[in-house]
All heavy atoms as atom14 arrays in JSON, in Angstrom:
{
  "sequence": "EGRYCAVPISHRATLGEVVDLLQSFHSQPQTLLIPQIPTGSFAKKLY",
  "atom14_mask": [
    [1, 1, 1, 1, 1, 1, 1, 1, 1, 0, 0, 0, 0, 0],
    [1, 1, 1, 1, 0, 0, 0, 0, 0, 0, 0, 0, 0, 0],
    [1, 1, 1, 1, 1, 1, 1, 1, 1, 1, 1, 0, 0, 0],
    [1, 1, 1, 1, 1, 1, 1, 1, 1, 1, 1, 1, 0, 0],
    [1, 1, 1, 1, 1, 1, 0, 0, 0, 0, 0, 0, 0, 0],
    [1, 1, 1, 1, 1, 0, 0, 0, 0, 0, 0, 0, 0, 0],
    [1, 1, 1, 1, 1, 1, 1, 0, 0, 0, 0, 0, 0, 0],
    [1, 1, 1, 1, 1, 1, 1, 0, 0, 0, 0, 0, 0, 0],
    [1, 1, 1, 1, 1, 1, 1, 1, 0, 0, 0, 0, 0, 0],
    [1, 1, 1, 1, 1, 1, 0, 0, 0, 0, 0, 0, 0, 0],
    [1, 1, 1, 1, 1, 1, 1, 1, 1, 1, 0, 0, 0, 0],
    [1, 1, 1, 1, 1, 1, 1, 1, 1, 1, 1, 0, 0, 0],
    [1, 1, 1, 1, 1, 0, 0, 0, 0, 0, 0, 0, 0, 0],
    [1, 1, 1, 1, 1, 1, 1, 0, 0, 0, 0, 0, 0, 0],
    [1, 1, 1, 1, 1, 1, 1, 1, 0, 0, 0, 0, 0, 0],
    [1, 1, 1, 1, 0, 0, 0, 0, 0, 0, 0, 0, 0, 0],
    [1, 1, 1, 1, 1, 1, 1, 1, 1, 0, 0, 0, 0, 0],
    [1, 1, 1, 1, 1, 1, 1, 0, 0, 0, 0, 0, 0, 0],
    [1, 1, 1, 1, 1, 1, 1, 0, 0, 0, 0, 0, 0, 0],
    [1, 1, 1, 1, 1, 1, 1, 1, 0, 0, 0, 0, 0, 0],
    [1, 1, 1, 1, 1, 1, 1, 1, 0, 0, 0, 0, 0, 0],
    [1, 1, 1, 1, 1, 1, 1, 1, 0, 0, 0, 0, 0, 0],
    [1, 1, 1, 1, 1, 1, 1, 1, 1, 0, 0, 0, 0, 0],
    [1, 1, 1, 1, 1, 1, 0, 0, 0, 0, 0, 0, 0, 0],
    [1, 1, 1, 1, 1, 1, 1, 1, 1, 1, 1, 0, 0, 0],
    [1, 1, 1, 1, 1, 1, 1, 1, 1, 1, 0, 0, 0, 0],
    [1, 1, 1, 1, 1, 1, 0, 0, 0, 0, 0, 0, 0, 0],
    [1, 1, 1, 1, 1, 1, 1, 1, 1, 0, 0, 0, 0, 0],
    [1, 1, 1, 1, 1, 1, 1, 0, 0, 0, 0, 0, 0, 0],
    [1, 1, 1, 1, 1, 1, 1, 1, 1, 0, 0, 0, 0, 0],
    [1, 1, 1, 1, 1, 1, 1, 0, 0, 0, 0, 0, 0, 0],
    [1, 1, 1, 1, 1, 1, 1, 1, 0, 0, 0, 0, 0, 0],
    [1, 1, 1, 1, 1, 1, 1, 1, 0, 0, 0, 0, 0, 0],
    [1, 1, 1, 1, 1, 1, 1, 1, 0, 0, 0, 0, 0, 0],
    [1, 1, 1, 1, 1, 1, 1, 0, 0, 0, 0, 0, 0, 0],
    [1, 1, 1, 1, 1, 1, 1, 1, 1, 0, 0, 0, 0, 0],
    [1, 1, 1, 1, 1, 1, 1, 1, 0, 0, 0, 0, 0, 0],
    [1, 1, 1, 1, 1, 1, 1, 0, 0, 0, 0, 0, 0, 0],
    [1, 1, 1, 1, 1, 1, 1, 0, 0, 0, 0, 0, 0, 0],
    [1, 1, 1, 1, 0, 0, 0, 0, 0, 0, 0, 0, 0, 0],
    [1, 1, 1, 1, 1, 1, 0, 0, 0, 0, 0, 0, 0, 0],
    [1, 1, 1, 1, 1, 1, 1, 1, 1, 1, 1, 0, 0, 0],
    [1, 1, 1, 1, 1, 0, 0, 0, 0, 0, 0, 0, 0, 0],
    [1, 1, 1, 1, 1, 1, 1, 1, 1, 0, 0, 0, 0, 0],
    [1, 1, 1, 1, 1, 1, 1, 1, 1, 0, 0, 0, 0, 0],
    [1, 1, 1, 1, 1, 1, 1, 1, 0, 0, 0, 0, 0, 0],
    [1, 1, 1, 1, 1, 1, 1, 1, 1, 1, 1, 1, 0, 0]
  ],
  "atom14_positions": [
    [[0.76, -1.31, -0.05], [0.0, 0.07, -0.01], [0.88, 1.23, -0.02], [0.45, 2.36, 0.31], [-0.82, 0.01, 1.3], [-1.74, -1.22, 1.35], [-2.7, -1.36, 0.07], [-3.25, -0.33, -0.45], [-3.01, -2.45, -0.37], [0.0, 0.0, 0.0], [0.0, 0.0, 0.0], [0.0, 0.0, 0.0], [0.0, 0.0, 0.0], [0.0, 0.0, 0.0]],
    [[2.07, 1.16, -0.36], [2.9, 2.26, -0.32], [2.58, 3.35, -1.33], [2.07, 3.13, -2.39], [0.0, 0.0, 0.0], [0.0, 0.0, 0.0], [0.0, 0.0, 0.0], [0.0, 0.0, 0.0], [0.0, 0.0, 0.0], [0.0, 0.0, 0.0], [0.0, 0.0, 0.0], [0.0, 0.0, 0.0], [0.0, 0.0, 0.0], [0.0, 0.0, 0.0]],
    [[2.95, 4.66, -0.88], [2.57, 5.75, -1.76], [3.41, 5.82, -3.09], [2.96, 6.2, -4.14], [2.9, 7.04, -1.05], [2.45, 8.33, -1.88], [2.92, 9.56, -1.04], [2.09, 10.78, -1.55], [2.61, 11.97, -1.38], [3.79, 12.15, -0.89], [1.91, 12.95, -1.94], [0.0, 0.0, 0.0], [0.0, 0.0, 0.0], [0.0, 0.0, 0.0]],
    [[4.7, 5.23, -3.02], [5.61, 5.33, -4.01], [5.69, 3.98, -4.74], [5.14, 2.86, -4.25], [6.98, 5.77, -3.61], [7.14, 7.1, -3.27], [6.9, 7.52, -1.93], [7.3, 8.28, -4.14], [6.93, 8.78, -1.43], [7.35, 9.58, -3.77], [7.21, 9.79, -2.44], [7.33, 11.12, -1.99], [0.0, 0.0, 0.0], [0.0, 0.0, 0.0]],
    [[6.32, 3.89, -6.02], [6.59, 2.54, -6.56], [8.09, 2.46, -6.63], [8.84, 3.29, -6.54], [5.9, 2.64, -7.89], [4.18, 2.69, -7.99], [0.0, 0.0, 0.0], [0.0, 0.0, 0.0], [0.0, 0.0, 0.0], [0.0, 0.0, 0.0], [0.0, 0.0, 0.0], [0.0, 0.0, 0.0], [0.0, 0.0, 0.0], [0.0, 0.0, 0.0]],
    [[8.52, 1.11, -6.86], [9.97, 0.8, -6.85], [10.17, -0.39, -7.71], [9.41, -1.31, -7.81], [10.46, 0.58, -5.43], [0.0, 0.0, 0.0], [0.0, 0.0, 0.0], [0.0, 0.0, 0.0], [0.0, 0.0, 0.0], [0.0, 0.0, 0.0], [0.0, 0.0, 0.0], [0.0, 0.0, 0.0], [0.0, 0.0, 0.0], [0.0, 0.0, 0.0]],
    [[11.39, -0.51, -8.3], [11.76, -1.79, -8.86], [12.27, -2.65, -7.79], [13.26, -2.26, -6.99], [12.92, -1.41, -9.9], [13.37, -2.84, -10.54], [12.42, -0.44, -10.93], [0.0, 0.0, 0.0], [0.0, 0.0, 0.0], [0.0, 0.0, 0.0], [0.0, 0.0, 0.0], [0.0, 0.0, 0.0], [0.0, 0.0, 0.0], [0.0, 0.0, 0.0]],
    [[11.9, -3.94, -7.67], [12.23, -4.72, -6.39], [13.57, -5.17, -6.43], [13.97, -5.79, -5.5], [11.22, -5.78, -6.63], [10.8, -5.99, -8.03], [10.89, -4.5, -8.62], [0.0, 0.0, 0.0], [0.0, 0.0, 0.0], [0.0, 0.0, 0.0], [0.0, 0.0, 0.0], [0.0, 0.0, 0.0], [0.0, 0.0, 0.0], [0.0, 0.0, 0.0]],
    [[14.29, -5.05, -7.44], [15.67, -5.65, -7.58], [16.73, -4.41, -7.86], [16.59, -3.62, -8.74], [15.85, -6.52, -8.84], [14.83, -7.73, -8.66], [17.18, -7.14, -8.86], [14.83, -8.74, -9.97], [0.0, 0.0, 0.0], [0.0, 0.0, 0.0], [0.0, 0.0, 0.0], [0.0, 0.0, 0.0], [0.0, 0.0, 0.0], [0.0, 0.0, 0.0]],
    [[17.66, -4.34, -6.86], [18.71, -3.31, -7.1], [19.93, -4.04, -6.5], [19.84, -5.06, -5.83], [18.38, -2.0, -6.49], [18.36, -2.12, -5.05], [0.0, 0.0, 0.0], [0.0, 0.0, 0.0], [0.0, 0.0, 0.0], [0.0, 0.0, 0.0], [0.0, 0.0, 0.0], [0.0, 0.0, 0.0], [0.0, 0.0, 0.0], [0.0, 0.0, 0.0]],
    [[21.1, -3.36, -6.67], [22.34, -3.92, -6.22], [23.14, -2.97, -5.52], [23.02, -1.8, -5.83], [23.17, -4.5, -7.44], [22.5, -5.48, -8.3], [22.39, -6.87, -7.85], [21.61, -5.56, -9.42], [21.72, -7.52, -8.73], [21.17, -6.57, -9.66], [0.0, 0.0, 0.0], [0.0, 0.0, 0.0], [0.0, 0.0, 0.0], [0.0, 0.0, 0.0]],
    [[23.98, -3.29, -4.63], [24.84, -2.35, -3.85], [26.29, -2.89, -4.05], [26.7, -4.06, -4.01], [24.59, -2.36, -2.37], [23.04, -1.81, -2.07], [22.9, -1.76, -0.56], [21.59, -1.18, -0.41], [21.16, 0.03, -0.49], [22.04, 0.94, -0.71], [19.91, 0.51, -0.13], [0.0, 0.0, 0.0], [0.0, 0.0, 0.0], [0.0, 0.0, 0.0]],
    [[27.08, -1.79, -4.44], [28.49, -2.08, -4.6], [29.34, -0.91, -4.35], [28.71, 0.25, -4.51], [28.72, -2.59, -6.11], [0.0, 0.0, 0.0], [0.0, 0.0, 0.0], [0.0, 0.0, 0.0], [0.0, 0.0, 0.0], [0.0, 0.0, 0.0], [0.0, 0.0, 0.0], [0.0, 0.0, 0.0], [0.0, 0.0, 0.0], [0.0, 0.0, 0.0]],
    [[30.58, -1.09, -4.09], [31.43, 0.17, -3.92], [31.99, 0.6, -5.36], [32.2, -0.34, -6.14], [32.53, -0.09, -2.92], [33.4, -1.08, -3.41], [31.91, -0.49, -1.66], [0.0, 0.0, 0.0], [0.0, 0.0, 0.0], [0.0, 0.0, 0.0], [0.0, 0.0, 0.0], [0.0, 0.0, 0.0], [0.0, 0.0, 0.0], [0.0, 0.0, 0.0]],
    [[32.6, 1.74, -5.44], [33.16, 2.13, -6.56], [34.39, 1.06, -6.94], [34.67, 0.77, -8.12], [33.66, 3.54, -6.51], [32.78, 4.67, -6.72], [33.26, 5.99, -6.53], [32.01, 4.56, -8.12], [0.0, 0.0, 0.0], [0.0, 0.0, 0.0], [0.0, 0.0, 0.0], [0.0, 0.0, 0.0], [0.0, 0.0, 0.0], [0.0, 0.0, 0.0]],
    [[35.19, 0.79, -5.8], [36.26, -0.21, -5.98], [35.88, -1.37, -6.57], [36.54, -2.03, -7.44], [0.0, 0.0, 0.0], [0.0, 0.0, 0.0], [0.0, 0.0, 0.0], [0.0, 0.0, 0.0], [0.0, 0.0, 0.0], [0.0, 0.0, 0.0], [0.0, 0.0, 0.0], [0.0, 0.0, 0.0], [0.0, 0.0, 0.0], [0.0, 0.0, 0.0]],
    [[34.71, -1.96, -6.07], [34.18, -3.34, -6.54], [33.78, -3.21, -8.15], [34.06, -4.13, -8.76], [33.05, -3.62, -5.75], [33.46, -4.07, -4.25], [32.19, -4.35, -3.38], [31.12, -3.76, -3.69], [32.44, -5.12, -2.44], [0.0, 0.0, 0.0], [0.0, 0.0, 0.0], [0.0, 0.0, 0.0], [0.0, 0.0, 0.0], [0.0, 0.0, 0.0]],
    [[33.2, -2.13, -8.4], [32.79, -1.91, -9.8], [34.01, -1.83, -10.65], [34.16, -2.58, -11.84], [32.04, -0.57, -9.96], [31.85, -0.32, -11.48], [30.61, -0.73, -9.26], [0.0, 0.0, 0.0], [0.0, 0.0, 0.0], [0.0, 0.0, 0.0], [0.0, 0.0, 0.0], [0.0, 0.0, 0.0], [0.0, 0.0, 0.0], [0.0, 0.0, 0.0]],
    [[35.02, -1.13, -10.3], [36.24, -1.05, -11.15], [37.02, -2.27, -11.16], [37.4, -2.63, -12.29], [37.12, 0.19, -10.51], [38.41, 0.18, -11.18], [36.57, 1.47, -10.72], [0.0, 0.0, 0.0], [0.0, 0.0, 0.0], [0.0, 0.0, 0.0], [0.0, 0.0, 0.0], [0.0, 0.0, 0.0], [0.0, 0.0, 0.0], [0.0, 0.0, 0.0]],
    [[37.14, -3.03, -10.12], [37.74, -4.34, -10.17], [37.1, -5.34, -11.25], [37.81, -6.11, -11.88], [37.79, -4.96, -8.6], [38.72, -4.19, -7.87], [39.6, -3.18, -8.4], [38.68, -4.4, -6.64], [0.0, 0.0, 0.0], [0.0, 0.0, 0.0], [0.0, 0.0, 0.0], [0.0, 0.0, 0.0], [0.0, 0.0, 0.0], [0.0, 0.0, 0.0]],
    [[35.82, -5.41, -11.01], [34.96, -6.21, -11.94], [35.28, -5.75, -13.51], [35.6, -6.64, -14.28], [33.57, -6.09, -11.68], [32.99, -7.04, -10.57], [31.67, -6.71, -10.31], [33.13, -8.52, -10.87], [0.0, 0.0, 0.0], [0.0, 0.0, 0.0], [0.0, 0.0, 0.0], [0.0, 0.0, 0.0], [0.0, 0.0, 0.0], [0.0, 0.0, 0.0]],
    [[35.21, -4.55, -13.65], [35.42, -4.04, -15.1], [36.8, -4.32, -15.54], [37.07, -4.74, -16.76], [35.17, -2.47, -15.15], [33.66, -2.06, -15.01], [33.53, -0.56, -14.92], [32.9, -2.61, -16.1], [0.0, 0.0, 0.0], [0.0, 0.0, 0.0], [0.0, 0.0, 0.0], [0.0, 0.0, 0.0], [0.0, 0.0, 0.0], [0.0, 0.0, 0.0]],
    [[37.82, -4.22, -14.7], [39.21, -4.55, -15.01], [39.26, -6.09, -15.42], [40.1, -6.52, -16.4], [40.28, -4.18, -14.0], [40.27, -2.75, -13.68], [40.95, -1.99, -14.75], [41.23, -2.4, -15.83], [41.24, -0.6, -14.52], [0.0, 0.0, 0.0], [0.0, 0.0, 0.0], [0.0, 0.0, 0.0], [0.0, 0.0, 0.0], [0.0, 0.0, 0.0]],
    [[38.61, -6.97, -14.7], [38.55, -8.4, -14.99], [37.9, -8.71, -16.37], [38.44, -9.49, -17.02], [37.93, -9.14, -13.78], [36.64, -9.0, -13.93], [0.0, 0.0, 0.0], [0.0, 0.0, 0.0], [0.0, 0.0, 0.0], [0.0, 0.0, 0.0], [0.0, 0.0, 0.0], [0.0, 0.0, 0.0], [0.0, 0.0, 0.0], [0.0, 0.0, 0.0]],
    [[36.9, -7.85, -16.63], [36.23, -8.05, -17.95], [37.24, -7.59, -19.17], [37.4, -8.24, -20.11], [34.95, -7.21, -18.11], [33.96, -7.61, -16.97], [33.19, -6.52, -16.6], [33.91, -8.73, -16.37], [32.24, -6.71, -15.62], [32.93, -8.95, -15.33], [32.08, -8.01, -15.11], [0.0, 0.0, 0.0], [0.0, 0.0, 0.0], [0.0, 0.0, 0.0]],
    [[38.05, -6.54, -18.82], [38.87, -6.01, -19.8], [40.04, -6.89, -20.12], [40.57, -7.11, -21.22], [39.42, -4.59, -19.21], [40.4, -3.96, -20.12], [41.85, -4.07, -20.11], [40.19, -3.2, -21.21], [42.38, -3.5, -21.0], [41.45, -2.78, -21.59], [0.0, 0.0, 0.0], [0.0, 0.0, 0.0], [0.0, 0.0, 0.0], [0.0, 0.0, 0.0]],
    [[40.38, -7.68, -19.09], [41.51, -8.67, -19.16], [41.12, -9.82, -19.82], [42.04, -10.8, -20.13], [42.29, -8.87, -17.93], [41.42, -9.52, -17.03], [0.0, 0.0, 0.0], [0.0, 0.0, 0.0], [0.0, 0.0, 0.0], [0.0, 0.0, 0.0], [0.0, 0.0, 0.0], [0.0, 0.0, 0.0], [0.0, 0.0, 0.0], [0.0, 0.0, 0.0]],
    [[39.97, -10.23, -19.92], [39.43, -11.48, -20.5], [40.05, -12.04, -21.81], [40.39, -13.15, -21.91], [37.92, -11.64, -20.49], [37.31, -12.92, -20.68], [37.23, -13.47, -22.1], [37.09, -12.6, -23.02], [37.36, -14.68, -22.41], [0.0, 0.0, 0.0], [0.0, 0.0, 0.0], [0.0, 0.0, 0.0], [0.0, 0.0, 0.0], [0.0, 0.0, 0.0]],
    [[40.25, -11.18, -22.75], [40.77, -11.6, -24.01], [42.11, -12.05, -23.76], [42.71, -12.92, -24.59], [40.78, -10.43, -24.93], [39.64, -9.61, -24.44], [39.73, -9.81, -22.96], [0.0, 0.0, 0.0], [0.0, 0.0, 0.0], [0.0, 0.0, 0.0], [0.0, 0.0, 0.0], [0.0, 0.0, 0.0], [0.0, 0.0, 0.0], [0.0, 0.0, 0.0]],
    [[42.94, -11.74, -22.89], [44.3, -12.18, -22.55], [44.2, -13.4, -21.64], [44.95, -14.3, -21.88], [45.04, -11.01, -21.87], [45.55, -9.97, -22.73], [44.32, -9.05, -23.03], [43.66, -8.56, -22.09], [44.08, -8.57, -24.34], [0.0, 0.0, 0.0], [0.0, 0.0, 0.0], [0.0, 0.0, 0.0], [0.0, 0.0, 0.0], [0.0, 0.0, 0.0]],
    [[43.46, -13.42, -20.58], [43.44, -14.59, -19.7], [42.42, -15.68, -20.03], [42.63, -16.79, -19.66], [42.96, -14.08, -18.3], [41.67, -13.69, -18.36], [43.8, -12.94, -17.8], [0.0, 0.0, 0.0], [0.0, 0.0, 0.0], [0.0, 0.0, 0.0], [0.0, 0.0, 0.0], [0.0, 0.0, 0.0], [0.0, 0.0, 0.0], [0.0, 0.0, 0.0]],
    [[41.55, -15.34, -21.05], [40.44, -16.17, -21.34], [39.51, -16.68, -20.29], [38.61, -17.34, -20.41], [41.0, -17.52, -21.99], [41.84, -17.41, -23.26], [42.25, -18.81, -23.83], [41.19, -16.5, -24.42], [0.0, 0.0, 0.0], [0.0, 0.0, 0.0], [0.0, 0.0, 0.0], [0.0, 0.0, 0.0], [0.0, 0.0, 0.0], [0.0, 0.0, 0.0]],
    [[39.73, -15.99, -19.11], [39.02, -16.35, -17.88], [37.7, -15.57, -17.87], [37.69, -14.22, -17.78], [39.81, -16.08, -16.64], [39.17, -16.54, -15.31], [39.14, -18.02, -15.29], [39.97, -15.98, -14.17], [0.0, 0.0, 0.0], [0.0, 0.0, 0.0], [0.0, 0.0, 0.0], [0.0, 0.0, 0.0], [0.0, 0.0, 0.0], [0.0, 0.0, 0.0]],
    [[36.6, -16.24, -17.65], [35.11, -15.64, -17.59], [34.91, -15.52, -16.03], [34.97, -16.52, -15.29], [34.13, -16.52, -18.2], [34.35, -16.6, -19.83], [32.74, -15.92, -17.99], [34.2, -15.35, -20.51], [0.0, 0.0, 0.0], [0.0, 0.0, 0.0], [0.0, 0.0, 0.0], [0.0, 0.0, 0.0], [0.0, 0.0, 0.0], [0.0, 0.0, 0.0]],
    [[34.73, -14.42, -15.65], [34.51, -14.16, -14.13], [33.22, -14.99, -13.65], [32.44, -15.33, -14.54], [34.37, -12.78, -13.85], [34.91, -12.07, -15.19], [34.76, -13.05, -16.3], [0.0, 0.0, 0.0], [0.0, 0.0, 0.0], [0.0, 0.0, 0.0], [0.0, 0.0, 0.0], [0.0, 0.0, 0.0], [0.0, 0.0, 0.0], [0.0, 0.0, 0.0]],
    [[33.02, -15.15, -12.47], [31.78, -15.68, -11.94], [30.64, -14.8, -12.28], [30.6, -13.64, -11.78], [31.83, -16.04, -10.49], [32.82, -17.18, -10.23], [32.81, -17.54, -8.65], [32.8, -16.62, -7.81], [32.9, -18.94, -8.38], [0.0, 0.0, 0.0], [0.0, 0.0, 0.0], [0.0, 0.0, 0.0], [0.0, 0.0, 0.0], [0.0, 0.0, 0.0]],
    [[29.63, -15.21, -13.0], [28.44, -14.37, -13.3], [27.15, -15.12, -13.11], [26.55, -15.45, -14.03], [28.51, -13.93, -14.83], [28.86, -14.86, -15.87], [29.55, -12.8, -14.75], [28.89, -14.5, -17.19], [0.0, 0.0, 0.0], [0.0, 0.0, 0.0], [0.0, 0.0, 0.0], [0.0, 0.0, 0.0], [0.0, 0.0, 0.0], [0.0, 0.0, 0.0]],
    [[26.86, -15.52, -11.9], [25.57, -16.09, -11.53], [24.31, -15.46, -12.06], [24.41, -14.26, -12.2], [25.61, -16.26, -10.01], [27.05, -16.03, -9.64], [27.59, -15.0, -10.55], [0.0, 0.0, 0.0], [0.0, 0.0, 0.0], [0.0, 0.0, 0.0], [0.0, 0.0, 0.0], [0.0, 0.0, 0.0], [0.0, 0.0, 0.0], [0.0, 0.0, 0.0]],
    [[23.29, -16.21, -12.37], [22.01, -15.67, -12.82], [21.58, -14.6, -11.8], [21.49, -14.73, -10.69], [21.08, -16.74, -12.92], [21.46, -17.71, -13.84], [19.69, -16.22, -13.36], [0.0, 0.0, 0.0], [0.0, 0.0, 0.0], [0.0, 0.0, 0.0], [0.0, 0.0, 0.0], [0.0, 0.0, 0.0], [0.0, 0.0, 0.0], [0.0, 0.0, 0.0]],
    [[21.21, -13.44, -12.37], [20.75, -12.34, -11.61], [21.75, -11.49, -10.8], [21.4, -10.54, -10.15], [0.0, 0.0, 0.0], [0.0, 0.0, 0.0], [0.0, 0.0, 0.0], [0.0, 0.0, 0.0], [0.0, 0.0, 0.0], [0.0, 0.0, 0.0], [0.0, 0.0, 0.0], [0.0, 0.0, 0.0], [0.0, 0.0, 0.0], [0.0, 0.0, 0.0]],
    [[23.03, -11.83, -10.92], [24.01, -11.23, -10.19], [24.39, -9.81, -10.78], [24.25, -9.58, -12.05], [25.26, -12.07, -10.07], [25.88, -12.21, -11.32], [0.0, 0.0, 0.0], [0.0, 0.0, 0.0], [0.0, 0.0, 0.0], [0.0, 0.0, 0.0], [0.0, 0.0, 0.0], [0.0, 0.0, 0.0], [0.0, 0.0, 0.0], [0.0, 0.0, 0.0]],
    [[24.96, -8.85, -9.82], [25.34, -7.57, -10.41], [26.4, -7.75, -11.42], [26.53, -7.1, -12.35], [25.85, -6.81, -9.27], [26.59, -5.61, -9.58], [25.89, -4.45, -10.22], [27.91, -5.39, -9.4], [26.42, -3.41, -10.64], [28.58, -4.14, -9.65], [27.97, -3.13, -10.29], [0.0, 0.0, 0.0], [0.0, 0.0, 0.0], [0.0, 0.0, 0.0]],
    [[27.38, -8.78, -11.15], [28.46, -9.06, -12.05], [28.08, -9.39, -13.42], [28.65, -8.88, -14.44], [29.5, -10.13, -11.56], [0.0, 0.0, 0.0], [0.0, 0.0, 0.0], [0.0, 0.0, 0.0], [0.0, 0.0, 0.0], [0.0, 0.0, 0.0], [0.0, 0.0, 0.0], [0.0, 0.0, 0.0], [0.0, 0.0, 0.0], [0.0, 0.0, 0.0]],
    [[27.02, -10.14, -13.6], [26.44, -10.56, -14.92], [25.89, -9.35, -15.55], [26.15, -9.22, -16.83], [25.37, -11.64, -14.77], [24.84, -12.18, -15.97], [23.86, -13.2, -15.76], [23.29, -13.71, -17.15], [22.16, -14.84, -16.94], [0.0, 0.0, 0.0], [0.0, 0.0, 0.0], [0.0, 0.0, 0.0], [0.0, 0.0, 0.0], [0.0, 0.0, 0.0]],
    [[25.21, -8.49, -14.99], [24.55, -7.32, -15.54], [25.72, -6.3, -15.99], [25.6, -5.67, -16.99], [23.59, -6.74, -14.59], [22.38, -7.67, -14.29], [21.44, -7.33, -13.2], [20.41, -8.23, -12.8], [19.51, -7.82, -11.73], [0.0, 0.0, 0.0], [0.0, 0.0, 0.0], [0.0, 0.0, 0.0], [0.0, 0.0, 0.0], [0.0, 0.0, 0.0]],
    [[26.72, -6.17, -15.1], [27.63, -5.28, -15.4], [28.57, -5.61, -16.63], [28.91, -4.85, -17.44], [28.64, -5.06, -14.12], [29.73, -4.05, -14.25], [29.16, -2.56, -14.47], [30.68, -4.04, -13.2], [0.0, 0.0, 0.0], [0.0, 0.0, 0.0], [0.0, 0.0, 0.0], [0.0, 0.0, 0.0], [0.0, 0.0, 0.0], [0.0, 0.0, 0.0]],
    [[28.75, -7.06, -16.61], [29.53, -7.47, -17.86], [28.71, -7.22, -19.1], [29.32, -6.82, -20.16], [29.78, -9.0, -17.65], [30.92, -9.59, -18.45], [31.4, -10.91, -18.18], [31.66, -8.86, -19.41], [32.53, -11.44, -18.71], [32.77, -9.44, -20.03], [33.17, -10.65, -19.71], [34.22, -11.26, -20.28], [0.0, 0.0, 0.0], [0.0, 0.0, 0.0]]
  ]
}
């Protein structure tokens, strides 16, 4: 019965965590390593 509306899914992360994930994505062509990206995770959406 809330007055406002909201998207029920959001994610919390620090700037450092965001940058570290992005750096791992950037290095993937060299390492061939796909980071852990579980269904619905922030990492999957950021990738």
